[in-house]
Amino acid sequence: MRKLFVALLFVCMASSVSAETGQANFTGPLVTPNASGVPAGMVWLEPYLIYSESHAVYDHRGRWRTERPGMHQWMLVVPMGVGITPRLTAQLTPGMTYNVSGREHSDGARKTDTSLLLQYKLIAAHEDGSGPVLSMSAAHNFPTGKYNRLGDNPLNGAGSGASSNRFSLLGQQLYWLSNNHPLRLRAQMAWSPSPSRVRLHGTSSHGTTRGFLGTAAMGTSLAINTSIEYGLTEHWVLATDVSWNHRNGAHLRGIQCPIQGGACVDVDRHDGPDWTYSVAPAVEYNFNSNIGLIVGAQWSVGGHNASAYLAPQAALNMVF
């Protein structure tokens, strides 16, 4: 997959000409973040409505296995940011989720974890929009979603309980092709160190049930995202993301006591690492340079110790 992306980048560079004066409006793809940020003093808002469902898993050998009743989820995620300086952007991302599995569901919409991100532009594009852009970012996850003491309803779990960090390197470049159509490439590499250990009591979003008392420690994670956007007209754009996500296994440790009395047993569980490949094709409609709508879907195409999923979604990007 990496060789394919490099080959695609080479073809685009070979067929491109110097940037021409023309209107290139992009909303941005579904997954790979914007490396440019926003100009100083400007504010942007991009609410995402995401519906995801999973009725299968990839086992430890990468084989697809059906899993019933599966999981359905509605999620509203609202990234919002502001340009602090010409090179520094801040972003806050809260969210809400509603979970369904079979005939069971969460008790209404639940607040998810919240992240705060700072992004600094190392290399800026030229005034005409051409040239490479390179940025780095650091994000912190605040455990604002409920994850612990869920009683008899594990679907109320909407957070991880962990304070975690994520560090990313982002790149982006716009080309004007010989047919005078704009093409934009993006890439991101993100790494998260092991987050803080989480104390658990009873039913939790980490798979524990009533009577459990202990801790969960999650492993490091690595993600690589790439995207391509091709402008058909001033308003219409085709976009596609290709992503790879990997996480080292979690370690669950504690005691499990029966609810009706009896002897408690020790729990010491190590989960293996998991990873998934996914694609996310989409269509953008840009009303103007400040407002754009994107509609598409992300779905897994392979994995290991992970859920197989399909996630249709839409987002409205607004810059003020």
Protein backbone atom coordinates (compact mmCIF):
# COMPACT_ATOMS: atom_id res chain seq x y z
CA MET A 1 0.00 0.00 0.00
CA ARG A 2 2.85 2.38 0.77
CA LYS A 3 4.42 1.61 -2.64
CA LEU A 4 1.08 2.35 -4.31
CA PHE A 5 0.85 5.74 -2.60
CA VAL A 6 4.42 6.64 -3.58
CA ALA A 7 3.73 5.63 -7.18
CA LEU A 8 0.56 7.72 -7.22
CA LEU A 9 2.46 10.70 -5.85
CA PHE A 10 5.13 10.30 -8.56
CA VAL A 11 2.51 10.17 -11.34
CA CYS A 12 0.80 13.29 -10.00
CA MET A 13 4.08 15.18 -9.85
CA ALA A 14 5.04 14.08 -13.34
CA SER A 15 1.71 15.17 -14.84
CA SER A 16 1.42 18.45 -12.96
CA VAL A 17 2.35 21.86 -14.17
CA SER A 18 3.11 24.99 -12.22
CA ALA A 19 0.15 26.27 -10.22
CA GLU A 20 -2.22 28.35 -12.29
CA THR A 21 -4.59 31.02 -11.18
CA GLY A 22 -7.84 29.17 -10.70
CA GLN A 23 -10.35 28.41 -8.00
CA ALA A 24 -9.59 25.25 -6.01
CA ASN A 25 -12.18 24.70 -3.29
CA PHE A 26 -11.77 21.69 -1.00
CA THR A 27 -13.72 20.64 2.07
CA GLY A 28 -11.13 18.01 3.01
CA PRO A 29 -11.45 14.22 3.04
CA LEU A 30 -13.20 12.28 5.80
CA VAL A 31 -10.16 10.99 7.70
CA THR A 32 -6.80 12.65 6.96
CA PRO A 33 -6.49 16.01 8.78
CA ASN A 34 -5.67 19.38 7.27
CA ALA A 35 -1.96 20.20 7.46
CA SER A 36 -2.49 23.91 6.75
CA GLY A 37 -4.63 24.89 9.72
CA VAL A 38 -6.56 28.15 9.39
CA PRO A 39 -5.32 31.76 9.04
CA ALA A 40 -4.76 33.76 12.22
CA GLY A 41 -7.98 35.10 13.70
CA MET A 42 -10.24 32.77 11.71
CA VAL A 43 -12.51 30.14 13.26
CA TRP A 44 -13.64 26.86 11.71
CA LEU A 45 -16.32 24.37 12.68
CA GLU A 46 -16.96 20.95 11.13
CA PRO A 47 -19.71 18.82 12.76
CA TYR A 48 -19.63 15.14 11.72
CA LEU A 49 -22.68 12.88 11.87
CA ILE A 50 -21.49 9.26 11.78
CA TYR A 51 -23.48 6.02 11.77
CA SER A 52 -21.38 2.90 12.20
CA GLU A 53 -22.27 -0.76 12.42
CA SER A 54 -20.30 -3.95 12.97
CA HIS A 55 -21.54 -7.52 12.62
CA ALA A 56 -18.18 -9.26 12.21
CA VAL A 57 -14.63 -9.38 13.54
CA TYR A 58 -11.19 -10.19 12.15
CA ASP A 59 -9.71 -12.98 14.27
CA HIS A 60 -6.06 -13.45 15.29
CA ARG A 61 -5.31 -14.86 11.82
CA GLY A 62 -7.07 -12.03 10.01
CA ARG A 63 -10.07 -14.16 9.03
CA TRP A 64 -13.55 -12.65 8.86
CA ARG A 65 -15.99 -14.08 11.43
CA THR A 66 -19.64 -13.10 11.85
CA GLU A 67 -20.57 -11.77 15.28
CA ARG A 68 -24.18 -11.34 16.41
CA PRO A 69 -26.04 -9.27 17.45
CA GLY A 70 -23.26 -6.86 16.55
CA MET A 71 -23.08 -3.15 17.31
CA HIS A 72 -24.76 -0.02 15.92
CA GLN A 73 -23.69 3.49 16.86
CA TRP A 74 -24.79 7.03 16.11
CA MET A 75 -22.13 9.64 16.83
CA LEU A 76 -21.98 13.42 16.60
CA VAL A 77 -18.41 14.76 16.66
CA VAL A 78 -17.83 18.52 16.49
CA PRO A 79 -14.21 19.58 15.78
CA MET A 80 -13.77 23.34 16.16
CA GLY A 81 -10.62 25.37 15.79
CA VAL A 82 -9.11 28.85 15.70
CA GLY A 83 -6.02 30.29 14.05
CA ILE A 84 -3.92 31.72 16.87
CA THR A 85 -1.01 32.88 14.68
CA PRO A 86 -0.27 32.38 10.96
CA ARG A 87 1.39 29.06 11.88
CA LEU A 88 -0.37 27.92 15.08
CA THR A 89 -3.89 26.44 15.21
CA ALA A 90 -5.84 25.17 18.24
CA GLN A 91 -8.64 22.60 17.98
CA LEU A 92 -11.21 21.31 20.48
CA THR A 93 -13.27 18.17 19.69
CA PRO A 94 -16.22 17.14 21.89
CA GLY A 95 -18.76 14.50 20.92
CA MET A 96 -21.89 12.50 21.75
CA THR A 97 -22.78 8.87 21.04
CA TYR A 98 -25.81 6.56 21.13
CA ASN A 99 -25.11 2.82 21.17
CA VAL A 100 -27.35 -0.10 20.15
CA SER A 101 -26.74 -3.87 20.25
CA GLY A 102 -29.62 -6.19 19.42
CA ARG A 103 -32.60 -5.01 21.46
CA GLU A 104 -30.41 -3.21 24.00
CA HIS A 105 -29.33 0.43 23.80
CA SER A 106 -27.62 3.11 25.84
CA ASP A 107 -29.70 5.32 28.12
CA GLY A 108 -29.92 8.18 25.65
CA ALA A 109 -27.04 10.08 24.06
CA ARG A 110 -23.80 9.86 26.03
CA LYS A 111 -20.91 12.32 26.14
CA THR A 112 -17.65 10.98 24.68
CA ASP A 113 -14.06 11.84 25.57
CA THR A 114 -12.86 15.31 24.54
CA SER A 115 -9.59 16.16 22.81
CA LEU A 116 -7.57 19.38 22.65
CA LEU A 117 -5.01 19.77 19.85
CA LEU A 118 -2.29 22.29 18.99
CA GLN A 119 -0.87 22.26 15.46
CA TYR A 120 2.20 24.16 14.26
CA LYS A 121 3.03 24.72 10.59
CA LEU A 122 6.69 24.02 9.85
CA ILE A 123 6.54 24.68 6.09
CA ALA A 124 3.81 26.88 4.56
CA ALA A 125 2.48 26.76 1.00
CA HIS A 126 3.22 29.50 -1.50
CA GLU A 127 0.80 32.41 -1.83
CA ASP A 128 -0.89 30.77 -4.84
CA GLY A 129 -1.54 27.60 -2.78
CA SER A 130 1.11 25.48 -4.48
CA GLY A 131 4.12 23.94 -2.77
CA PRO A 132 4.36 21.50 0.12
CA VAL A 133 2.90 22.04 3.58
CA LEU A 134 4.37 20.30 6.61
CA SER A 135 3.00 20.50 10.15
CA MET A 136 3.28 18.78 13.50
CA SER A 137 0.61 18.49 16.17
CA ALA A 138 0.16 17.37 19.76
CA ALA A 139 -3.24 16.37 21.14
CA HIS A 140 -4.45 15.42 24.62
CA ASN A 141 -7.49 13.26 25.31
CA PHE A 142 -9.53 14.21 28.38
CA PRO A 143 -11.60 11.30 29.80
CA THR A 144 -14.93 13.12 29.84
CA GLY A 145 -16.98 10.12 28.68
CA LYS A 146 -18.40 7.67 31.24
CA TYR A 147 -16.50 4.39 31.19
CA ASN A 148 -16.85 2.87 34.66
CA ARG A 149 -19.57 1.74 37.12
CA LEU A 150 -22.03 1.23 34.26
CA GLY A 151 -24.34 -1.04 36.26
CA ASP A 152 -26.29 -3.48 34.10
CA ASN A 153 -25.85 -1.57 30.83
CA PRO A 154 -22.37 -1.70 29.26
CA LEU A 155 -23.73 0.26 26.26
CA ASN A 156 -23.61 3.38 28.45
CA GLY A 157 -19.83 3.30 28.11
CA ALA A 158 -18.76 6.19 25.87
CA GLY A 159 -15.17 6.85 26.95
CA SER A 160 -11.87 5.15 27.72
CA GLY A 161 -11.20 6.65 31.13
CA ALA A 162 -7.60 7.34 30.10
CA SER A 163 -5.70 10.60 29.81
CA SER A 164 -3.69 10.06 26.64
CA ASN A 165 -1.55 11.99 24.16
CA ARG A 166 -1.11 11.81 20.40
CA PHE A 167 1.70 13.26 18.30
CA SER A 168 1.37 13.67 14.53
CA LEU A 169 3.34 14.71 11.48
CA LEU A 170 1.16 15.99 8.64
CA GLY A 171 1.90 16.79 5.00
CA GLN A 172 -0.11 18.26 2.15
CA GLN A 173 0.41 19.50 -1.41
CA LEU A 174 -1.81 20.98 -4.09
CA TYR A 175 -1.14 20.40 -7.80
CA TRP A 176 -2.72 21.85 -10.92
CA LEU A 177 -2.78 19.09 -13.52
CA SER A 178 -2.27 19.67 -17.24
CA ASN A 179 -6.07 19.52 -17.73
CA ASN A 180 -6.39 22.52 -15.34
CA HIS A 181 -8.05 20.42 -12.61
CA PRO A 182 -6.72 20.70 -9.04
CA LEU A 183 -5.48 17.64 -7.18
CA ARG A 184 -4.54 17.65 -3.50
CA LEU A 185 -2.62 15.00 -1.58
CA ARG A 186 -2.48 14.62 2.19
CA ALA A 187 -0.70 12.29 4.59
CA GLN A 188 -0.52 11.85 8.35
CA MET A 189 1.53 9.68 10.69
CA ALA A 190 0.30 9.68 14.30
CA TRP A 191 1.74 7.96 17.38
CA SER A 192 0.26 7.63 20.85
CA PRO A 193 2.31 6.41 23.83
CA SER A 194 0.69 4.12 26.40
CA PRO A 195 -1.90 6.19 28.29
CA SER A 196 -2.31 6.33 32.04
CA ARG A 197 -3.54 3.19 33.77
CA VAL A 198 -7.30 3.19 34.31
CA ARG A 199 -8.93 2.01 37.55
CA LEU A 200 -12.06 -0.04 36.99
CA HIS A 201 -14.96 -0.98 39.24
CA GLY A 202 -17.75 -3.19 37.92
CA THR A 203 -19.11 -2.98 34.37
CA SER A 204 -16.93 -0.84 32.11
CA SER A 205 -16.19 0.02 28.49
CA HIS A 206 -13.11 -2.24 28.79
CA GLY A 207 -15.26 -5.38 28.83
CA THR A 208 -15.43 -5.97 32.58
CA THR A 209 -18.67 -6.93 34.34
CA ARG A 210 -20.26 -6.44 37.75
CA GLY A 211 -18.07 -7.64 40.59
CA PHE A 212 -14.78 -6.66 38.94
CA LEU A 213 -12.19 -4.52 40.68
CA GLY A 214 -8.86 -3.75 39.05
CA THR A 215 -7.06 -1.78 36.34
CA ALA A 216 -6.67 -1.62 32.57
CA ALA A 217 -3.52 -0.52 30.77
CA MET A 218 -3.74 0.18 27.04
CA GLY A 219 -0.81 -0.11 24.67
CA THR A 220 0.80 2.31 22.27
CA SER A 221 -0.85 3.02 18.93
CA LEU A 222 0.27 4.07 15.45
CA ALA A 223 -1.86 5.35 12.56
CA ILE A 224 -1.00 6.19 8.96
CA ASN A 225 -3.56 8.04 6.82
CA THR A 226 -3.28 9.17 3.20
CA SER A 227 -5.80 10.90 0.98
CA ILE A 228 -6.33 12.25 -2.51
CA GLU A 229 -8.84 14.87 -3.66
CA TYR A 230 -9.60 15.63 -7.30
CA GLY A 231 -11.55 18.75 -8.28
CA LEU A 232 -14.12 18.08 -11.01
CA THR A 233 -15.43 21.65 -11.02
CA GLU A 234 -15.20 24.70 -8.80
CA HIS A 235 -17.84 23.09 -6.54
CA TRP A 236 -17.57 19.28 -6.93
CA VAL A 237 -14.65 17.20 -5.63
CA LEU A 238 -13.98 13.46 -5.38
CA ALA A 239 -12.00 12.30 -2.31
CA THR A 240 -10.62 9.03 -0.94
CA ASP A 241 -8.72 8.12 2.23
CA VAL A 242 -6.67 4.97 2.85
CA SER A 243 -5.83 4.26 6.50
CA TRP A 244 -3.91 1.81 8.65
CA ASN A 245 -4.39 1.74 12.44
CA HIS A 246 -2.44 -0.38 14.90
CA ARG A 247 -2.63 -0.69 18.69
CA ASN A 248 -0.60 -2.85 21.04
CA GLY A 249 -2.63 -5.09 23.30
CA ALA A 250 -4.23 -4.02 26.57
CA HIS A 251 -3.49 -5.54 29.98
CA LEU A 252 -6.45 -6.14 32.31
CA ARG A 253 -5.63 -7.01 35.90
CA GLY A 254 -7.73 -7.37 39.05
CA ILE A 255 -10.21 -9.64 40.81
CA GLN A 256 -13.65 -10.84 39.74
CA CYS A 257 -16.12 -11.53 42.54
CA PRO A 258 -19.50 -13.23 42.03
CA ILE A 259 -22.56 -11.07 42.69
CA GLN A 260 -24.38 -13.67 44.82
CA GLY A 261 -21.40 -14.50 47.01
CA GLY A 262 -18.60 -17.01 46.67
CA ALA A 263 -14.87 -16.91 46.11
CA CYS A 264 -13.25 -14.16 44.07
CA VAL A 265 -10.84 -15.12 41.30
CA ASP A 266 -7.76 -13.33 40.02
CA VAL A 267 -7.88 -11.81 36.52
CA ASP A 268 -4.68 -11.23 34.54
CA ARG A 269 -5.52 -10.90 30.84
CA HIS A 270 -3.18 -9.77 28.08
CA ASP A 271 -4.83 -8.93 24.75
CA GLY A 272 -2.85 -9.29 21.55
CA PRO A 273 -2.15 -6.34 19.24
CA ASP A 274 -4.84 -5.33 16.75
CA TRP A 275 -4.82 -3.50 13.43
CA THR A 276 -7.18 -2.58 10.59
CA TYR A 277 -6.97 -1.29 7.03
CA SER A 278 -9.80 0.94 5.85
CA VAL A 279 -10.87 3.07 2.89
CA ALA A 280 -13.16 6.11 2.89
CA PRO A 281 -14.39 7.35 -0.49
CA ALA A 282 -16.49 10.53 -0.47
CA VAL A 283 -17.97 13.33 -2.55
CA GLU A 284 -17.55 17.00 -1.65
CA TYR A 285 -19.75 19.92 -2.62
CA ASN A 286 -18.17 23.31 -1.90
CA PHE A 287 -20.68 26.16 -1.84
CA ASN A 288 -17.77 28.61 -1.77
CA SER A 289 -14.26 28.84 -0.33
CA ASN A 290 -15.61 28.94 3.25
CA ILE A 291 -18.44 26.38 3.32
CA GLY A 292 -18.36 22.81 2.07
CA LEU A 293 -20.28 19.55 2.56
CA ILE A 294 -18.76 16.06 2.35
CA VAL A 295 -20.68 12.77 2.28
CA GLY A 296 -19.11 9.32 2.18
CA ALA A 297 -18.36 6.16 4.14
CA GLN A 298 -15.40 4.53 5.82
CA TRP A 299 -15.17 0.75 5.99
CA SER A 300 -12.59 -1.80 7.02
CA VAL A 301 -11.06 -3.99 4.30
CA GLY A 302 -8.80 -6.12 6.51
CA GLY A 303 -7.62 -6.52 10.05
CA HIS A 304 -6.35 -8.59 12.94
CA ASN A 305 -8.01 -8.95 16.38
CA ALA A 306 -10.38 -6.11 15.47
CA SER A 307 -13.97 -5.34 14.50
CA ALA A 308 -15.02 -5.17 10.87
CA TYR A 309 -17.15 -2.08 10.35
CA LEU A 310 -19.01 0.19 7.95
CA ALA A 311 -19.43 3.87 8.84
CA PRO A 312 -21.43 6.17 6.52
CA GLN A 313 -20.98 9.81 7.51
CA ALA A 314 -21.44 13.44 6.53
CA ALA A 315 -19.72 16.64 7.64
CA LEU A 316 -20.25 20.34 7.05
CA ASN A 317 -17.07 22.43 7.04
CA MET A 318 -17.46 26.13 7.87
CA VAL A 319 -14.76 28.79 8.12
CA PHE A 320 -15.61 32.21 9.60
